[in-house]
N, C-alpha and C. Protein backbone atom coordinates (compact mmCIF):
# COMPACT_ATOMS: atom_id res chain seq x y z
N UNK A 1 76.19 97.06 77.45
CA UNK A 1 76.75 97.73 78.56
C UNK A 1 75.67 97.84 79.72
N UNK A 2 74.34 97.87 79.26
CA UNK A 2 73.38 98.00 80.30
C UNK A 2 73.28 96.78 81.19
N UNK A 3 73.47 95.58 80.67
CA UNK A 3 73.47 94.36 81.44
C UNK A 3 74.58 94.38 82.50
N UNK A 4 75.78 94.77 82.09
CA UNK A 4 76.82 94.80 83.07
C UNK A 4 76.52 95.84 84.19
N UNK A 5 75.98 97.00 83.74
CA UNK A 5 75.61 97.94 84.73
C UNK A 5 74.55 97.50 85.70
N UNK A 6 73.58 96.77 85.21
CA UNK A 6 72.53 96.19 86.14
C UNK A 6 73.06 95.21 87.01
N UNK A 7 73.97 94.38 86.52
CA UNK A 7 74.64 93.37 87.40
C UNK A 7 75.48 93.99 88.49
N UNK A 8 76.15 95.04 88.04
CA UNK A 8 77.05 95.74 89.02
C UNK A 8 76.10 96.39 90.09
N UNK A 9 75.00 96.99 89.75
CA UNK A 9 74.11 97.65 90.66
C UNK A 9 73.62 96.63 91.67
N UNK A 10 73.18 95.44 91.13
CA UNK A 10 72.70 94.39 92.07
C UNK A 10 73.86 93.93 93.03
N UNK A 11 74.99 93.77 92.50
CA UNK A 11 76.13 93.38 93.36
C UNK A 11 76.50 94.37 94.42
N UNK A 12 76.43 95.64 94.05
CA UNK A 12 76.64 96.70 95.07
C UNK A 12 75.59 96.64 96.17
N UNK A 13 74.35 96.54 95.67
CA UNK A 13 73.17 96.44 96.68
C UNK A 13 73.36 95.22 97.52
N UNK A 14 73.69 94.06 97.04
CA UNK A 14 73.79 92.84 97.81
C UNK A 14 74.95 93.02 98.88
N UNK A 15 75.98 93.74 98.43
CA UNK A 15 77.17 93.91 99.34
C UNK A 15 77.02 95.06 100.27
N UNK A 16 75.96 95.85 100.04
CA UNK A 16 75.81 97.04 100.92
C UNK A 16 76.78 98.11 100.59
N UNK A 17 77.18 98.23 99.36
CA UNK A 17 78.17 99.25 99.12
C UNK A 17 77.60 100.30 98.15
N UNK A 18 77.71 101.56 98.52
CA UNK A 18 77.14 102.68 97.77
C UNK A 18 78.14 103.05 96.65
N UNK A 19 77.65 103.86 95.73
CA UNK A 19 78.47 104.35 94.68
C UNK A 19 79.64 105.16 95.29
N UNK A 20 79.35 105.94 96.28
CA UNK A 20 80.37 106.76 96.91
C UNK A 20 81.45 105.94 97.51
N UNK A 21 81.05 104.90 98.20
CA UNK A 21 82.08 103.91 98.84
C UNK A 21 82.80 103.24 97.77
N UNK A 22 82.24 102.79 96.73
CA UNK A 22 82.94 102.18 95.57
C UNK A 22 83.90 103.11 95.07
N UNK A 23 83.48 104.37 94.81
CA UNK A 23 84.43 105.40 94.30
C UNK A 23 85.69 105.49 95.34
N UNK A 24 85.44 105.55 96.56
CA UNK A 24 86.49 105.76 97.52
C UNK A 24 87.40 104.51 97.49
N UNK A 25 86.81 103.36 97.48
CA UNK A 25 87.65 102.10 97.45
C UNK A 25 88.57 101.92 96.22
N UNK A 26 87.99 102.39 95.05
CA UNK A 26 88.65 102.20 93.82
C UNK A 26 89.51 103.34 93.32
N UNK A 27 89.13 104.59 93.72
CA UNK A 27 89.72 105.71 93.16
C UNK A 27 89.11 106.15 91.87
N UNK A 28 88.02 105.52 91.45
CA UNK A 28 87.27 105.84 90.23
C UNK A 28 86.24 106.95 90.55
N UNK A 29 86.05 107.90 89.79
CA UNK A 29 85.11 108.91 90.11
C UNK A 29 83.60 108.45 90.20
N UNK A 30 82.89 109.09 91.06
CA UNK A 30 81.52 108.70 91.18
C UNK A 30 80.76 108.93 89.87
N UNK A 31 81.24 109.88 89.16
CA UNK A 31 80.56 110.21 87.90
C UNK A 31 80.71 109.00 86.93
N UNK A 32 81.87 108.49 86.84
CA UNK A 32 82.21 107.35 85.96
C UNK A 32 81.48 106.11 86.43
N UNK A 33 81.42 105.86 87.70
CA UNK A 33 80.67 104.69 88.25
C UNK A 33 79.17 104.85 87.92
N UNK A 34 78.66 106.06 88.02
CA UNK A 34 77.24 106.19 87.72
C UNK A 34 77.04 105.94 86.31
N UNK A 35 77.87 106.40 85.35
CA UNK A 35 77.67 106.18 83.93
C UNK A 35 77.82 104.67 83.60
N UNK A 36 78.66 103.89 84.26
CA UNK A 36 78.77 102.54 84.01
C UNK A 36 77.45 101.87 84.51
N UNK A 37 76.90 102.27 85.61
CA UNK A 37 75.78 101.68 86.24
C UNK A 37 74.52 101.95 85.28
N UNK A 38 74.52 103.05 84.61
CA UNK A 38 73.48 103.44 83.74
C UNK A 38 73.66 102.78 82.33
N UNK A 39 74.75 102.20 82.08
CA UNK A 39 75.03 101.62 80.81
C UNK A 39 75.45 102.61 79.75
N UNK A 40 75.87 103.82 80.19
CA UNK A 40 76.32 104.85 79.30
C UNK A 40 77.78 104.91 79.07
N UNK A 41 78.60 104.23 79.91
CA UNK A 41 80.01 104.09 79.75
C UNK A 41 80.47 102.62 79.70
N UNK A 42 81.36 102.31 78.90
CA UNK A 42 81.88 100.99 78.71
C UNK A 42 82.78 100.67 79.95
N UNK A 43 82.70 99.42 80.38
CA UNK A 43 83.48 98.97 81.51
C UNK A 43 84.82 98.39 80.95
N UNK A 44 85.90 99.02 81.38
CA UNK A 44 87.22 98.61 80.93
C UNK A 44 87.70 97.40 81.82
N UNK A 45 88.58 96.66 81.32
CA UNK A 45 89.19 95.44 82.11
C UNK A 45 89.76 96.04 83.39
N UNK A 46 90.51 97.03 83.33
CA UNK A 46 91.09 97.60 84.60
C UNK A 46 90.11 97.95 85.62
N UNK A 47 89.08 98.68 85.20
CA UNK A 47 88.06 99.08 86.13
C UNK A 47 87.30 97.85 86.67
N UNK A 48 87.02 96.89 85.80
CA UNK A 48 86.30 95.68 86.33
C UNK A 48 87.15 94.99 87.44
N UNK A 49 88.45 94.94 87.16
CA UNK A 49 89.34 94.28 88.16
C UNK A 49 89.39 95.18 89.46
N UNK A 50 89.35 96.49 89.37
CA UNK A 50 89.41 97.31 90.55
C UNK A 50 88.08 97.05 91.36
N UNK A 51 87.00 96.94 90.59
CA UNK A 51 85.68 96.80 91.31
C UNK A 51 85.74 95.43 91.97
N UNK A 52 86.22 94.37 91.28
CA UNK A 52 86.20 93.08 91.88
C UNK A 52 86.98 93.07 93.21
N UNK A 53 88.13 93.75 93.18
CA UNK A 53 88.94 93.85 94.44
C UNK A 53 88.24 94.62 95.51
N UNK A 54 87.36 95.53 95.11
CA UNK A 54 86.75 96.40 96.17
C UNK A 54 85.47 95.91 96.66
N UNK A 55 84.75 94.97 95.96
CA UNK A 55 83.49 94.57 96.43
C UNK A 55 83.40 92.97 96.32
N UNK A 56 83.24 92.40 97.57
CA UNK A 56 83.12 90.93 97.58
C UNK A 56 81.89 90.53 96.82
N UNK A 57 82.12 89.43 96.13
CA UNK A 57 80.94 88.89 95.42
C UNK A 57 80.75 89.35 93.94
N UNK A 58 81.60 90.33 93.56
CA UNK A 58 81.52 90.85 92.15
C UNK A 58 82.70 90.31 91.45
N UNK A 59 82.36 89.70 90.30
CA UNK A 59 83.34 89.03 89.41
C UNK A 59 83.63 89.94 88.18
N UNK A 60 84.88 90.26 87.94
CA UNK A 60 85.24 91.15 86.81
C UNK A 60 84.91 90.37 85.55
N UNK A 61 85.19 89.01 85.49
CA UNK A 61 84.93 88.23 84.39
C UNK A 61 83.41 88.21 84.06
N UNK A 62 82.62 88.12 85.17
CA UNK A 62 81.15 88.08 84.95
C UNK A 62 80.67 89.39 84.27
N UNK A 63 81.15 90.54 84.85
CA UNK A 63 80.70 91.84 84.31
C UNK A 63 81.15 91.96 82.87
N UNK A 64 82.42 91.60 82.59
CA UNK A 64 82.97 91.74 81.18
C UNK A 64 82.27 90.84 80.26
N UNK A 65 81.93 89.59 80.67
CA UNK A 65 81.19 88.70 79.82
C UNK A 65 79.83 89.27 79.45
N UNK A 66 79.17 89.84 80.39
CA UNK A 66 77.81 90.40 80.16
C UNK A 66 78.01 91.52 79.08
N UNK A 67 78.94 92.37 79.28
CA UNK A 67 79.20 93.47 78.39
C UNK A 67 79.53 92.96 76.88
N UNK A 68 80.38 91.98 76.91
CA UNK A 68 80.83 91.40 75.60
C UNK A 68 79.62 90.75 74.85
N UNK A 69 78.82 89.99 75.52
CA UNK A 69 77.54 89.50 74.99
C UNK A 69 76.64 90.48 74.42
N UNK A 70 76.53 91.60 75.11
CA UNK A 70 75.59 92.59 74.62
C UNK A 70 76.28 93.32 73.38
N UNK A 71 77.61 93.55 73.43
CA UNK A 71 78.23 94.13 72.30
C UNK A 71 78.16 93.30 71.04
N UNK A 72 78.30 91.93 71.23
CA UNK A 72 78.19 91.01 70.14
C UNK A 72 76.80 90.94 69.57
N UNK A 73 75.80 90.97 70.42
CA UNK A 73 74.39 90.95 69.87
C UNK A 73 74.23 92.23 69.06
N UNK A 74 74.70 93.31 69.55
CA UNK A 74 74.49 94.68 68.82
C UNK A 74 75.14 94.60 67.50
N UNK A 75 76.39 94.13 67.47
CA UNK A 75 77.11 94.02 66.23
C UNK A 75 76.38 93.11 65.25
N UNK A 76 75.89 92.08 65.69
CA UNK A 76 75.07 91.12 64.84
C UNK A 76 73.84 91.85 64.33
N UNK A 77 73.16 92.47 65.16
CA UNK A 77 71.98 93.26 64.64
C UNK A 77 72.29 94.29 63.66
N UNK A 78 73.43 95.02 63.82
CA UNK A 78 73.89 95.96 62.87
C UNK A 78 74.18 95.29 61.47
N UNK A 79 74.83 94.16 61.56
CA UNK A 79 75.21 93.40 60.31
C UNK A 79 74.00 92.95 59.58
N UNK A 80 73.10 92.37 60.30
CA UNK A 80 71.71 91.96 59.64
C UNK A 80 70.94 93.10 59.05
N UNK A 81 70.86 94.18 59.74
CA UNK A 81 70.05 95.29 59.31
C UNK A 81 70.80 96.23 58.32
N UNK A 82 72.18 96.11 58.27
CA UNK A 82 72.96 96.98 57.43
C UNK A 82 73.16 96.37 56.12
């Protein structure tokens, strides 16, 4: 989740979009956006699509793939160590 949050943060910075503006454009709370940016909240497909529609240059697929890869790596680490 942290990789997707970092990528989203970079995309917002590149587009000149603040968390507050993203919240306004998407209807998602600033608290939830901040949790996603910090990697503390999972990015849902619906939220990723809303973000893509609100911010030029951000890909829902790209964000979700980063999240999925991170989740797969974590699951594999748990399997090996467990």
